[in-house]
C-alpha atoms as a PDB file:
ATOM      1  CA  GLN A   1     -14.860  -5.823  15.729  1.00  0.00           C
ATOM      2  CA  VAL A   2     -13.076  -3.557  13.265  1.00  0.00           C
ATOM      3  CA  GLN A   3     -14.394  -3.719   9.726  1.00  0.00           C
ATOM      4  CA  LEU A   4     -13.643  -1.861   6.521  1.00  0.00           C
ATOM      5  CA  VAL A   5     -15.960  -2.953   3.741  1.00  0.00           C
ATOM      6  CA  GLU A   6     -15.263  -1.725   0.222  1.00  0.00           C
ATOM      7  CA  SER A   7     -17.843  -1.650  -2.530  1.00  0.00           C
ATOM      8  CA  GLY A   8     -18.376  -0.128  -5.959  1.00  0.00           C
ATOM      9  CA  GLY A   9     -15.758  -1.959  -7.961  1.00  0.00           C
ATOM     10  CA  GLY A  10     -16.471  -3.584 -11.276  1.00  0.00           C
ATOM     11  CA  LEU A  11     -15.766  -3.639 -14.996  1.00  0.00           C
ATOM     12  CA  VAL A  12     -15.773  -0.346 -16.904  1.00  0.00           C
ATOM     13  CA  GLN A  13     -14.560   0.814 -20.290  1.00  0.00           C
ATOM     14  CA  ALA A  14     -11.652   3.176 -20.630  1.00  0.00           C
ATOM     15  CA  GLY A  15     -12.801   6.743 -20.121  1.00  0.00           C
ATOM     16  CA  GLY A  16     -15.561   5.681 -17.769  1.00  0.00           C
ATOM     17  CA  SER A  17     -16.109   6.347 -14.086  1.00  0.00           C
ATOM     18  CA  LEU A  18     -16.574   4.401 -10.882  1.00  0.00           C
ATOM     19  CA  ARG A  19     -17.173   5.433  -7.295  1.00  0.00           C
ATOM     20  CA  LEU A  20     -15.719   3.264  -4.567  1.00  0.00           C
ATOM     21  CA  SER A  21     -17.073   3.341  -1.036  1.00  0.00           C
ATOM     22  CA  CYS A  22     -15.562   2.041   2.181  1.00  0.00           C
ATOM     23  CA  ALA A  23     -17.842   1.662   5.176  1.00  0.00           C
ATOM     24  CA  ALA A  24     -16.054   1.569   8.522  1.00  0.00           C
ATOM     25  CA  SER A  25     -17.211   0.131  11.822  1.00  0.00           C
ATOM     26  CA  GLY A  26     -15.779  -0.977  15.143  1.00  0.00           C
ATOM     27  CA  PHE A  27     -13.538   2.038  15.687  1.00  0.00           C
ATOM     28  CA  THR A  28     -13.766   5.827  15.911  1.00  0.00           C
ATOM     29  CA  PHE A  29     -13.712   6.699  12.236  1.00  0.00           C
ATOM     30  CA  SER A  30     -13.190  10.436  12.682  1.00  0.00           C
ATOM     31  CA  ASN A  31      -9.964   9.804  14.634  1.00  0.00           C
ATOM     32  CA  HIS A  32      -8.331   8.036  11.686  1.00  0.00           C
ATOM     33  CA  ALA A  33      -6.760   9.255   8.488  1.00  0.00           C
ATOM     34  CA  MET A  34      -8.075   7.259   5.544  1.00  0.00           C
ATOM     35  CA  SER A  35      -6.451   6.127   2.342  1.00  0.00           C
ATOM     36  CA  TRP A  36      -7.038   4.103  -0.774  1.00  0.00           C
ATOM     37  CA  TYR A  37      -4.329   1.764  -2.033  1.00  0.00           C
ATOM     38  CA  ARG A  38      -4.279  -0.449  -5.095  1.00  0.00           C
ATOM     39  CA  GLN A  39      -2.442  -3.567  -6.141  1.00  0.00           C
ATOM     40  CA  ALA A  40      -2.159  -4.706  -9.731  1.00  0.00           C
ATOM     41  CA  PRO A  41      -1.289  -8.330 -10.560  1.00  0.00           C
ATOM     42  CA  GLY A  42       2.371  -9.015  -9.888  1.00  0.00           C
ATOM     43  CA  LYS A  43       2.978  -5.564  -8.461  1.00  0.00           C
ATOM     44  CA  ALA A  44       3.320  -4.052  -5.012  1.00  0.00           C
ATOM     45  CA  ARG A  45       0.456  -2.352  -3.230  1.00  0.00           C
ATOM     46  CA  VAL A  46       0.732   1.419  -3.709  1.00  0.00           C
ATOM     47  CA  LEU A  47      -0.931   4.478  -2.266  1.00  0.00           C
ATOM     48  CA  VAL A  48      -3.543   6.070  -4.505  1.00  0.00           C
ATOM     49  CA  ALA A  49      -5.113   8.781  -2.357  1.00  0.00           C
ATOM     50  CA  ALA A  50      -5.253   9.879   1.272  1.00  0.00           C
ATOM     51  CA  ILE A  51      -7.397  12.188   3.355  1.00  0.00           C
ATOM     52  CA  THR A  52      -6.897  13.602   6.834  1.00  0.00           C
ATOM     53  CA  ARG A  53      -9.188  12.916   9.779  1.00  0.00           C
ATOM     54  CA  GLY A  54     -11.308  16.005   9.263  1.00  0.00           C
ATOM     55  CA  GLY A  55     -11.171  15.854   5.481  1.00  0.00           C
ATOM     56  CA  GLY A  56      -9.398  19.177   5.175  1.00  0.00           C
ATOM     57  CA  SER A  57      -6.367  17.867   3.332  1.00  0.00           C
ATOM     58  CA  THR A  58      -5.917  15.296   0.603  1.00  0.00           C
ATOM     59  CA  ASP A  59      -3.007  13.790  -1.299  1.00  0.00           C
ATOM     60  CA  TYR A  60      -2.808  11.802  -4.508  1.00  0.00           C
ATOM     61  CA  ALA A  61      -0.409   9.650  -6.444  1.00  0.00           C
ATOM     62  CA  ASP A  62       0.847  11.476  -9.528  1.00  0.00           C
ATOM     63  CA  SER A  63      -0.735   8.846 -11.751  1.00  0.00           C
ATOM     64  CA  VAL A  64      -4.269   9.727 -10.611  1.00  0.00           C
ATOM     65  CA  LYS A  65      -4.062  13.465  -9.960  1.00  0.00           C
ATOM     66  CA  GLY A  66      -6.845  15.322 -11.715  1.00  0.00           C
ATOM     67  CA  ARG A  67      -8.828  12.111 -12.305  1.00  0.00           C
ATOM     68  CA  PHE A  68      -9.523  10.696  -8.839  1.00  0.00           C
ATOM     69  CA  THR A  69     -11.063  12.422  -5.827  1.00  0.00           C
ATOM     70  CA  ILE A  70     -11.041  11.121  -2.269  1.00  0.00           C
ATOM     71  CA  SER A  71     -13.648  12.312   0.208  1.00  0.00           C
ATOM     72  CA  ARG A  72     -15.140  11.232   3.510  1.00  0.00           C
ATOM     73  CA  ASP A  73     -18.353  11.566   5.473  1.00  0.00           C
ATOM     74  CA  ASN A  74     -17.582  11.241   9.164  1.00  0.00           C
ATOM     75  CA  ALA A  75     -21.288  11.166  10.002  1.00  0.00           C
ATOM     76  CA  LYS A  76     -21.652   8.033   7.867  1.00  0.00           C
ATOM     77  CA  ASN A  77     -18.259   6.506   8.734  1.00  0.00           C
ATOM     78  CA  THR A  78     -17.534   6.205   5.043  1.00  0.00           C
ATOM     79  CA  VAL A  79     -14.714   7.175   2.721  1.00  0.00           C
ATOM     80  CA  TYR A  80     -15.132   7.444  -1.031  1.00  0.00           C
ATOM     81  CA  LEU A  81     -12.956   7.370  -4.111  1.00  0.00           C
ATOM     82  CA  GLN A  82     -14.448   8.936  -7.217  1.00  0.00           C
ATOM     83  CA  MET A  83     -12.541   7.686 -10.247  1.00  0.00           C
ATOM     84  CA  ASN A  84     -13.018   9.448 -13.578  1.00  0.00           C
ATOM     85  CA  SER A  85     -11.340   9.085 -16.970  1.00  0.00           C
ATOM     86  CA  LEU A  86     -10.328   5.556 -16.079  1.00  0.00           C
ATOM     87  CA  LYS A  87      -7.467   3.929 -17.942  1.00  0.00           C
ATOM     88  CA  PRO A  88      -6.571   0.250 -18.399  1.00  0.00           C
ATOM     89  CA  GLU A  89      -3.542   0.821 -16.152  1.00  0.00           C
ATOM     90  CA  ASP A  90      -5.936   1.639 -13.300  1.00  0.00           C
ATOM     91  CA  THR A  91      -6.932  -2.029 -13.247  1.00  0.00           C
ATOM     92  CA  ALA A  92      -6.174  -3.378  -9.773  1.00  0.00           C
ATOM     93  CA  VAL A  93      -7.638  -4.479  -6.487  1.00  0.00           C
ATOM     94  CA  TYR A  94      -8.410  -1.346  -4.484  1.00  0.00           C
ATOM     95  CA  TYR A  95      -8.023  -1.432  -0.711  1.00  0.00           C
ATOM     96  CA  CYS A  96      -9.340   0.893   1.948  1.00  0.00           C
ATOM     97  CA  ASN A  97      -6.934   1.752   4.770  1.00  0.00           C
ATOM     98  CA  ALA A  98      -7.360   3.448   8.132  1.00  0.00           C
ATOM     99  CA  GLU A  99      -4.373   4.872  10.007  1.00  0.00           C
ATOM    100  CA  GLY A 100      -4.480   5.648  13.693  1.00  0.00           C
ATOM    101  CA  ARG A 101      -2.186   6.195  16.667  1.00  0.00           C
ATOM    102  CA  ASP A 102      -2.412   4.468  20.008  1.00  0.00           C
ATOM    103  CA  TYR A 103      -1.877   6.033  23.446  1.00  0.00           C
ATOM    104  CA  VAL A 104       1.919   6.048  22.950  1.00  0.00           C
ATOM    105  CA  GLN A 105       1.600   7.468  19.438  1.00  0.00           C
ATOM    106  CA  LYS A 106       2.492   4.198  17.753  1.00  0.00           C
ATOM    107  CA  VAL A 107       0.937   4.012  14.299  1.00  0.00           C
ATOM    108  CA  TYR A 108      -1.394   1.151  13.447  1.00  0.00           C
ATOM    109  CA  TYR A 109      -3.408   0.271  10.359  1.00  0.00           C
ATOM    110  CA  TYR A 110      -6.682  -1.379   9.479  1.00  0.00           C
ATOM    111  CA  TRP A 111      -7.313  -2.828   6.006  1.00  0.00           C
ATOM    112  CA  GLY A 112     -10.360  -3.758   4.020  1.00  0.00           C
ATOM    113  CA  GLN A 113     -10.664  -6.912   1.947  1.00  0.00           C
ATOM    114  CA  GLY A 114     -10.371  -5.098  -1.375  1.00  0.00           C
ATOM    115  CA  THR A 115     -12.587  -4.554  -4.388  1.00  0.00           C
ATOM    116  CA  GLN A 116     -11.641  -5.358  -7.974  1.00  0.00           C
ATOM    117  CA  VAL A 117     -11.588  -2.597 -10.576  1.00  0.00           C
ATOM    118  CA  THR A 118     -11.087  -3.669 -14.178  1.00  0.00           C
ATOM    119  CA  VAL A 119     -10.795  -1.137 -16.986  1.00  0.00           C
ATOM    120  CA  SER A 120     -11.106  -2.478 -20.514  1.00  0.00           C
ATOM    121  CA  SER A 121      -9.502  -0.767 -23.498  1.00  0.00           C
END
C-alpha cells in the first residue's frame, strides 16, 4: 500500500523556521521525483519545491527561493522541506508528492494527506 505521511507542520511566528518531513512507503522511493506543494484557503494547490530522483537537482517557486530547501534521503525513504524566514503568506496546507512513470512512460502521482503550516504575524 502506497503511503506518503507528512509531519512537522504547526504554528510559528513570522521569521521562524519549520522542517517538514514526508515518509514514503509501498513503492520504490528512489525511482520517483519528489515535490512539495501547498494550498492556501480559497486558492489552488501550487508547486513549492521539487527534487530529482537522485537529489542532484532541485527547483523552487520564486516565492520561496532563498528561504526553503528541499532534500531527500533515499536510504530513509524520506523527503524534507526546510522552511526558514517564514512569512504569513506561507500559511497553507503542505502536501508531499511523488512522481513516477509506468512501463509505457505514462506519468502518475502519489499524494500525502497534507500538514498544516500557520505563520502568525
